[in-house]
């Protein structure tokens, strides 16, 4: 069974790939899920797209996993 942290890490990595393929680079260790409410729409879009992919492939909502980490 995957932990919430593993789900968040996987989704964050997918967001990084999406962001990179759009021509952007971020510092190593950037956490899209902490910036999903940021002002930069490309970061938000990368996280939301990765979240949708995670949901489609694994039936797991990464935002729920993030919420569980915060509790």
PDB file of N, CA and C in Angstrom:
ATOM      1  N   UNK A   1       0.842  -1.189   0.000  1.00  0.00           N
ATOM      2  CA  UNK A   1       0.000   0.000   0.000  1.00  0.00           C
ATOM      3  C   UNK A   1       0.885   1.250   0.000  1.00  0.00           C
ATOM      4  N   UNK A   2       0.536   2.192  -0.857  1.00  0.00           N
ATOM      5  CA  UNK A   2       1.290   3.443  -0.924  1.00  0.00           C
ATOM      6  C   UNK A   2       0.873   4.377   0.207  1.00  0.00           C
ATOM      7  N   UNK A   3       1.840   5.030   0.771  1.00  0.00           N
ATOM      8  CA  UNK A   3       1.551   6.000   1.831  1.00  0.00           C
ATOM      9  C   UNK A   3       1.092   7.315   1.204  1.00  0.00           C
ATOM     10  N   UNK A   4       0.497   8.163   2.027  1.00  0.00           N
ATOM     11  CA  UNK A   4       0.113   9.485   1.553  1.00  0.00           C
ATOM     12  C   UNK A   4       1.336  10.246   1.049  1.00  0.00           C
ATOM     13  N   UNK A   5       2.448  10.113   1.750  1.00  0.00           N
ATOM     14  CA  UNK A   5       3.668  10.803   1.336  1.00  0.00           C
ATOM     15  C   UNK A   5       4.123  10.320  -0.044  1.00  0.00           C
ATOM     16  N   UNK A   6       4.031   9.028  -0.286  1.00  0.00           N
ATOM     17  CA  UNK A   6       4.425   8.460  -1.583  1.00  0.00           C
ATOM     18  C   UNK A   6       3.521   9.003  -2.696  1.00  0.00           C
ATOM     19  N   UNK A   7       2.230   9.085  -2.434  1.00  0.00           N
ATOM     20  CA  UNK A   7       1.275   9.605  -3.422  1.00  0.00           C
ATOM     21  C   UNK A   7       1.592  11.058  -3.743  1.00  0.00           C
ATOM     22  N   UNK A   8       1.849  11.843  -2.712  1.00  0.00           N
ATOM     23  CA  UNK A   8       2.178  13.252  -2.897  1.00  0.00           C
ATOM     24  C   UNK A   8       3.489  13.391  -3.662  1.00  0.00           C
ATOM     25  N   UNK A   9       4.481  12.606  -3.306  1.00  0.00           N
ATOM     26  CA  UNK A   9       5.776  12.668  -3.990  1.00  0.00           C
ATOM     27  C   UNK A   9       5.645  12.298  -5.469  1.00  0.00           C
ATOM     28  N   UNK A  10       4.878  11.250  -5.765  1.00  0.00           N
ATOM     29  CA  UNK A  10       4.673  10.833  -7.155  1.00  0.00           C
ATOM     30  C   UNK A  10       3.969  11.932  -7.952  1.00  0.00           C
ATOM     31  N   UNK A  11       2.947  12.505  -7.364  1.00  0.00           N
ATOM     32  CA  UNK A  11       2.186  13.543  -8.050  1.00  0.00           C
ATOM     33  C   UNK A  11       3.042  14.787  -8.257  1.00  0.00           C
ATOM     34  N   UNK A  12       3.847  15.113  -7.260  1.00  0.00           N
ATOM     35  CA  UNK A  12       4.749  16.256  -7.377  1.00  0.00           C
ATOM     36  C   UNK A  12       5.753  16.031  -8.508  1.00  0.00           C
ATOM     37  N   UNK A  13       6.252  14.807  -8.628  1.00  0.00           N
ATOM     38  CA  UNK A  13       7.191  14.495  -9.708  1.00  0.00           C
ATOM     39  C   UNK A  13       6.508  14.601 -11.072  1.00  0.00           C
ATOM     40  N   UNK A  14       5.275  14.149 -11.169  1.00  0.00           N
ATOM     41  CA  UNK A  14       4.540  14.304 -12.424  1.00  0.00           C
ATOM     42  C   UNK A  14       4.364  15.779 -12.757  1.00  0.00           C
ATOM     43  N   UNK A  15       4.051  16.591 -11.760  1.00  0.00           N
ATOM     44  CA  UNK A  15       3.883  18.034 -11.974  1.00  0.00           C
ATOM     45  C   UNK A  15       5.195  18.649 -12.469  1.00  0.00           C
ATOM     46  N   UNK A  16       6.313  18.197 -11.913  1.00  0.00           N
ATOM     47  CA  UNK A  16       7.623  18.704 -12.333  1.00  0.00           C
ATOM     48  C   UNK A  16       7.871  18.363 -13.809  1.00  0.00           C
ATOM     49  N   UNK A  17       7.521  17.158 -14.222  1.00  0.00           N
ATOM     50  CA  UNK A  17       7.691  16.743 -15.623  1.00  0.00           C
ATOM     51  C   UNK A  17       6.810  17.596 -16.534  1.00  0.00           C
ATOM     52  N   UNK A  18       5.581  17.806 -16.141  1.00  0.00           N
ATOM     53  CA  UNK A  18       4.656  18.637 -16.918  1.00  0.00           C
ATOM     54  C   UNK A  18       5.215  20.053 -17.038  1.00  0.00           C
ATOM     55  N   UNK A  19       5.671  20.594 -15.935  1.00  0.00           N
ATOM     56  CA  UNK A  19       6.213  21.951 -15.894  1.00  0.00           C
ATOM     57  C   UNK A  19       7.463  22.068 -16.765  1.00  0.00           C
ATOM     58  N   UNK A  20       8.340  21.081 -16.654  1.00  0.00           N
ATOM     59  CA  UNK A  20       9.572  21.047 -17.448  1.00  0.00           C
ATOM     60  C   UNK A  20       9.261  20.990 -18.939  1.00  0.00           C
ATOM     61  N   UNK A  21       8.280  20.183 -19.311  1.00  0.00           N
ATOM     62  CA  UNK A  21       7.915  20.045 -20.720  1.00  0.00           C
ATOM     63  C   UNK A  21       7.262  21.301 -21.290  1.00  0.00           C
ATOM     64  N   UNK A  22       6.859  22.187 -20.430  1.00  0.00           N
ATOM     65  CA  UNK A  22       6.350  23.492 -20.878  1.00  0.00           C
ATOM     66  C   UNK A  22       7.486  24.501 -21.003  1.00  0.00           C
ATOM     67  N   UNK A  23       8.710  24.070 -20.668  1.00  0.00           N
ATOM     68  CA  UNK A  23       9.870  24.932 -20.832  1.00  0.00           C
ATOM     69  C   UNK A  23      10.299  25.668 -19.577  1.00  0.00           C
ATOM     70  N   UNK A  24       9.753  25.275 -18.430  1.00  0.00           N
ATOM     71  CA  UNK A  24      10.076  25.948 -17.175  1.00  0.00           C
ATOM     72  C   UNK A  24      10.948  25.066 -16.293  1.00  0.00           C
ATOM     73  N   UNK A  25      11.725  25.712 -15.441  1.00  0.00           N
ATOM     74  CA  UNK A  25      12.585  24.999 -14.510  1.00  0.00           C
ATOM     75  C   UNK A  25      12.366  25.598 -13.121  1.00  0.00           C
ATOM     76  N   UNK A  26      12.337  24.740 -12.132  1.00  0.00           N
ATOM     77  CA  UNK A  26      12.185  25.166 -10.742  1.00  0.00           C
ATOM     78  C   UNK A  26      13.320  24.592  -9.906  1.00  0.00           C
ATOM     79  N   UNK A  27      13.550  25.157  -8.742  1.00  0.00           N
ATOM     80  CA  UNK A  27      14.588  24.614  -7.867  1.00  0.00           C
ATOM     81  C   UNK A  27      14.278  23.173  -7.462  1.00  0.00           C
ATOM     82  N   UNK A  28      15.325  22.403  -7.266  1.00  0.00           N
ATOM     83  CA  UNK A  28      15.157  21.027  -6.793  1.00  0.00           C
ATOM     84  C   UNK A  28      14.415  21.071  -5.458  1.00  0.00           C
ATOM     85  N   UNK A  29      13.493  20.156  -5.297  1.00  0.00           N
ATOM     86  CA  UNK A  29      12.734  20.093  -4.054  1.00  0.00           C
ATOM     87  C   UNK A  29      11.492  20.969  -4.029  1.00  0.00           C
ATOM     88  N   UNK A  30      11.199  21.634  -5.140  1.00  0.00           N
ATOM     89  CA  UNK A  30      10.003  22.476  -5.199  1.00  0.00           C
ATOM     90  C   UNK A  30       8.776  21.612  -4.978  1.00  0.00           C
ATOM     91  N   UNK A  31       7.889  22.069  -4.136  1.00  0.00           N
ATOM     92  CA  UNK A  31       6.681  21.309  -3.800  1.00  0.00           C
ATOM     93  C   UNK A  31       5.477  22.013  -4.406  1.00  0.00           C
ATOM     94  N   UNK A  32       5.009  21.482  -5.520  1.00  0.00           N
ATOM     95  CA  UNK A  32       3.869  22.081  -6.212  1.00  0.00           C
ATOM     96  C   UNK A  32       2.647  22.115  -5.310  1.00  0.00           C
ATOM     97  N   UNK A  33       2.470  21.111  -4.487  1.00  0.00           N
ATOM     98  CA  UNK A  33       1.276  21.048  -3.648  1.00  0.00           C
ATOM     99  C   UNK A  33       1.269  22.146  -2.597  1.00  0.00           C
ATOM    100  N   UNK A  34       2.425  22.659  -2.221  1.00  0.00           N
ATOM    101  CA  UNK A  34       2.463  23.787  -1.298  1.00  0.00           C
ATOM    102  C   UNK A  34       2.216  25.095  -2.031  1.00  0.00           C
ATOM    103  N   UNK A  35       2.395  25.066  -3.331  1.00  0.00           N
ATOM    104  CA  UNK A  35       2.249  26.271  -4.132  1.00  0.00           C
ATOM    105  C   UNK A  35       1.007  26.217  -5.009  1.00  0.00           C
ATOM    106  N   UNK A  36       0.161  25.225  -4.785  1.00  0.00           N
ATOM    107  CA  UNK A  36      -1.020  25.069  -5.630  1.00  0.00           C
ATOM    108  C   UNK A  36      -1.982  26.244  -5.468  1.00  0.00           C
ATOM    109  N   UNK A  37      -1.810  26.998  -4.423  1.00  0.00           N
ATOM    110  CA  UNK A  37      -2.631  28.195  -4.241  1.00  0.00           C
ATOM    111  C   UNK A  37      -1.796  29.445  -4.525  1.00  0.00           C
ATOM    112  N   UNK A  38      -0.663  29.245  -5.180  1.00  0.00           N
ATOM    113  CA  UNK A  38       0.232  30.352  -5.488  1.00  0.00           C
ATOM    114  C   UNK A  38      -0.364  31.247  -6.563  1.00  0.00           C
ATOM    115  N   UNK A  39       0.319  32.295  -6.852  1.00  0.00           N
ATOM    116  CA  UNK A  39      -0.147  33.232  -7.852  1.00  0.00           C
ATOM    117  C   UNK A  39       0.258  32.819  -9.271  1.00  0.00           C
ATOM    118  N   UNK A  40       1.139  31.874  -9.402  1.00  0.00           N
ATOM    119  CA  UNK A  40       1.624  31.522 -10.738  1.00  0.00           C
ATOM    120  C   UNK A  40       0.733  30.445 -11.352  1.00  0.00           C
ATOM    121  N   UNK A  41       0.004  30.779 -12.398  1.00  0.00           N
ATOM    122  CA  UNK A  41      -0.963  29.836 -12.959  1.00  0.00           C
ATOM    123  C   UNK A  41      -0.331  28.581 -13.558  1.00  0.00           C
ATOM    124  N   UNK A  42       0.923  28.659 -14.037  1.00  0.00           N
ATOM    125  CA  UNK A  42       1.552  27.465 -14.614  1.00  0.00           C
ATOM    126  C   UNK A  42       1.871  26.427 -13.542  1.00  0.00           C
ATOM    127  N   UNK A  43       2.233  26.861 -12.360  1.00  0.00           N
ATOM    128  CA  UNK A  43       2.468  25.927 -11.251  1.00  0.00           C
ATOM    129  C   UNK A  43       1.165  25.254 -10.849  1.00  0.00           C
ATOM    130  N   UNK A  44       0.124  26.039 -10.763  1.00  0.00           N
ATOM    131  CA  UNK A  44      -1.198  25.507 -10.401  1.00  0.00           C
ATOM    132  C   UNK A  44      -1.657  24.503 -11.457  1.00  0.00           C
ATOM    133  N   UNK A  45      -1.475  24.851 -12.728  1.00  0.00           N
ATOM    134  CA  UNK A  45      -1.894  23.969 -13.813  1.00  0.00           C
ATOM    135  C   UNK A  45      -1.110  22.663 -13.794  1.00  0.00           C
ATOM    136  N   UNK A  46       0.186  22.745 -13.532  1.00  0.00           N
ATOM    137  CA  UNK A  46       1.008  21.523 -13.498  1.00  0.00           C
ATOM    138  C   UNK A  46       0.536  20.597 -12.379  1.00  0.00           C
ATOM    139  N   UNK A  47       0.284  21.150 -11.196  1.00  0.00           N
ATOM    140  CA  UNK A  47      -0.188  20.318 -10.078  1.00  0.00           C
ATOM    141  C   UNK A  47      -1.560  19.731 -10.401  1.00  0.00           C
ATOM    142  N   UNK A  48      -2.477  20.554 -10.911  1.00  0.00           N
ATOM    143  CA  UNK A  48      -3.825  20.058 -11.187  1.00  0.00           C
ATOM    144  C   UNK A  48      -3.823  18.978 -12.259  1.00  0.00           C
ATOM    145  N   UNK A  49      -2.993  19.124 -13.265  1.00  0.00           N
ATOM    146  CA  UNK A  49      -2.892  18.107 -14.308  1.00  0.00           C
ATOM    147  C   UNK A  49      -2.320  16.818 -13.743  1.00  0.00           C
ATOM    148  N   UNK A  50      -1.275  16.927 -12.961  1.00  0.00           N
ATOM    149  CA  UNK A  50      -0.675  15.738 -12.336  1.00  0.00           C
ATOM    150  C   UNK A  50      -1.675  15.063 -11.407  1.00  0.00           C
ATOM    151  N   UNK A  51      -2.439  15.858 -10.679  1.00  0.00           N
ATOM    152  CA  UNK A  51      -3.455  15.313  -9.785  1.00  0.00           C
ATOM    153  C   UNK A  51      -4.515  14.540 -10.572  1.00  0.00           C
ATOM    154  N   UNK A  52      -4.943  15.084 -11.698  1.00  0.00           N
ATOM    155  CA  UNK A  52      -5.929  14.401 -12.537  1.00  0.00           C
ATOM    156  C   UNK A  52      -5.373  13.089 -13.095  1.00  0.00           C
ATOM    157  N   UNK A  53      -4.106  13.096 -13.482  1.00  0.00           N
ATOM    158  CA  UNK A  53      -3.470  11.875 -13.976  1.00  0.00           C
ATOM    159  C   UNK A  53      -3.400  10.833 -12.864  1.00  0.00           C
ATOM    160  N   UNK A  54      -3.001  11.244 -11.683  1.00  0.00           N
ATOM    161  CA  UNK A  54      -2.931  10.329 -10.535  1.00  0.00           C
ATOM    162  C   UNK A  54      -4.318   9.718 -10.266  1.00  0.00           C
ATOM    163  N   UNK A  55      -5.330  10.548 -10.321  1.00  0.00           N
ATOM    164  CA  UNK A  55      -6.689  10.076 -10.081  1.00  0.00           C
ATOM    165  C   UNK A  55      -7.126   9.082 -11.155  1.00  0.00           C
ATOM    166  N   UNK A  56      -6.809   9.395 -12.404  1.00  0.00           N
ATOM    167  CA  UNK A  56      -7.187   8.521 -13.508  1.00  0.00           C
ATOM    168  C   UNK A  56      -6.469   7.169 -13.423  1.00  0.00           C
ATOM    169  N   UNK A  57      -5.172   7.192 -13.129  1.00  0.00           N
ATOM    170  CA  UNK A  57      -4.386   5.962 -13.145  1.00  0.00           C
ATOM    171  C   UNK A  57      -4.555   5.111 -11.888  1.00  0.00           C
ATOM    172  N   UNK A  58      -4.745   5.767 -10.751  1.00  0.00           N
ATOM    173  CA  UNK A  58      -4.735   5.002  -9.493  1.00  0.00           C
ATOM    174  C   UNK A  58      -5.991   5.183  -8.638  1.00  0.00           C
ATOM    175  N   UNK A  59      -6.931   6.012  -9.147  1.00  0.00           N
ATOM    176  CA  UNK A  59      -8.142   6.297  -8.387  1.00  0.00           C
ATOM    177  C   UNK A  59      -7.807   6.886  -7.008  1.00  0.00           C
ATOM    178  N   UNK A  60      -6.747   7.695  -6.981  1.00  0.00           N
ATOM    179  CA  UNK A  60      -6.276   8.308  -5.745  1.00  0.00           C
ATOM    180  C   UNK A  60      -6.194   9.811  -5.935  1.00  0.00           C
ATOM    181  N   UNK A  61      -6.841  10.556  -5.047  1.00  0.00           N
ATOM    182  CA  UNK A  61      -6.800  12.012  -5.120  1.00  0.00           C
ATOM    183  C   UNK A  61      -5.607  12.520  -4.313  1.00  0.00           C
ATOM    184  N   UNK A  62      -4.649  13.102  -4.999  1.00  0.00           N
ATOM    185  CA  UNK A  62      -3.442  13.597  -4.332  1.00  0.00           C
ATOM    186  C   UNK A  62      -3.737  14.712  -3.346  1.00  0.00           C
ATOM    187  N   UNK A  63      -4.778  15.497  -3.589  1.00  0.00           N
ATOM    188  CA  UNK A  63      -5.136  16.549  -2.632  1.00  0.00           C
ATOM    189  C   UNK A  63      -5.596  15.949  -1.306  1.00  0.00           C
ATOM    190  N   UNK A  64      -6.267  14.814  -1.358  1.00  0.00           N
ATOM    191  CA  UNK A  64      -6.622  14.131  -0.107  1.00  0.00           C
ATOM    192  C   UNK A  64      -5.377  13.682   0.632  1.00  0.00           C
ATOM    193  N   UNK A  65      -4.405  13.179  -0.107  1.00  0.00           N
ATOM    194  CA  UNK A  65      -3.152  12.750   0.511  1.00  0.00           C
ATOM    195  C   UNK A  65      -2.430  13.941   1.133  1.00  0.00           C
ATOM    196  N   UNK A  66      -2.436  15.083   0.455  1.00  0.00           N
ATOM    197  CA  UNK A  66      -1.822  16.298   1.018  1.00  0.00           C
ATOM    198  C   UNK A  66      -2.536  16.683   2.308  1.00  0.00           C
ATOM    199  N   UNK A  67      -3.865  16.659   2.281  1.00  0.00           N
ATOM    200  CA  UNK A  67      -4.638  16.993   3.496  1.00  0.00           C
ATOM    201  C   UNK A  67      -4.262  16.055   4.646  1.00  0.00           C
ATOM    202  N   UNK A  68      -4.082  14.781   4.346  1.00  0.00           N
ATOM    203  CA  UNK A  68      -3.719  13.814   5.390  1.00  0.00           C
ATOM    204  C   UNK A  68      -2.329  14.106   5.961  1.00  0.00           C
ATOM    205  N   UNK A  69      -1.430  14.605   5.119  1.00  0.00           N
ATOM    206  CA  UNK A  69      -0.097  14.955   5.616  1.00  0.00           C
ATOM    207  C   UNK A  69      -0.149  16.140   6.562  1.00  0.00           C
ATOM    208  N   UNK A  70      -1.070  17.058   6.302  1.00  0.00           N
ATOM    209  CA  UNK A  70      -1.169  18.261   7.100  1.00  0.00           C
ATOM    210  C   UNK A  70      -1.835  18.017   8.446  1.00  0.00           C
ATOM    211  N   UNK A  71      -2.543  16.920   8.583  1.00  0.00           N
ATOM    212  CA  UNK A  71      -3.262  16.647   9.833  1.00  0.00           C
ATOM    213  C   UNK A  71      -2.351  16.130  10.906  1.00  0.00           C
TER     214      UNK A  71
END
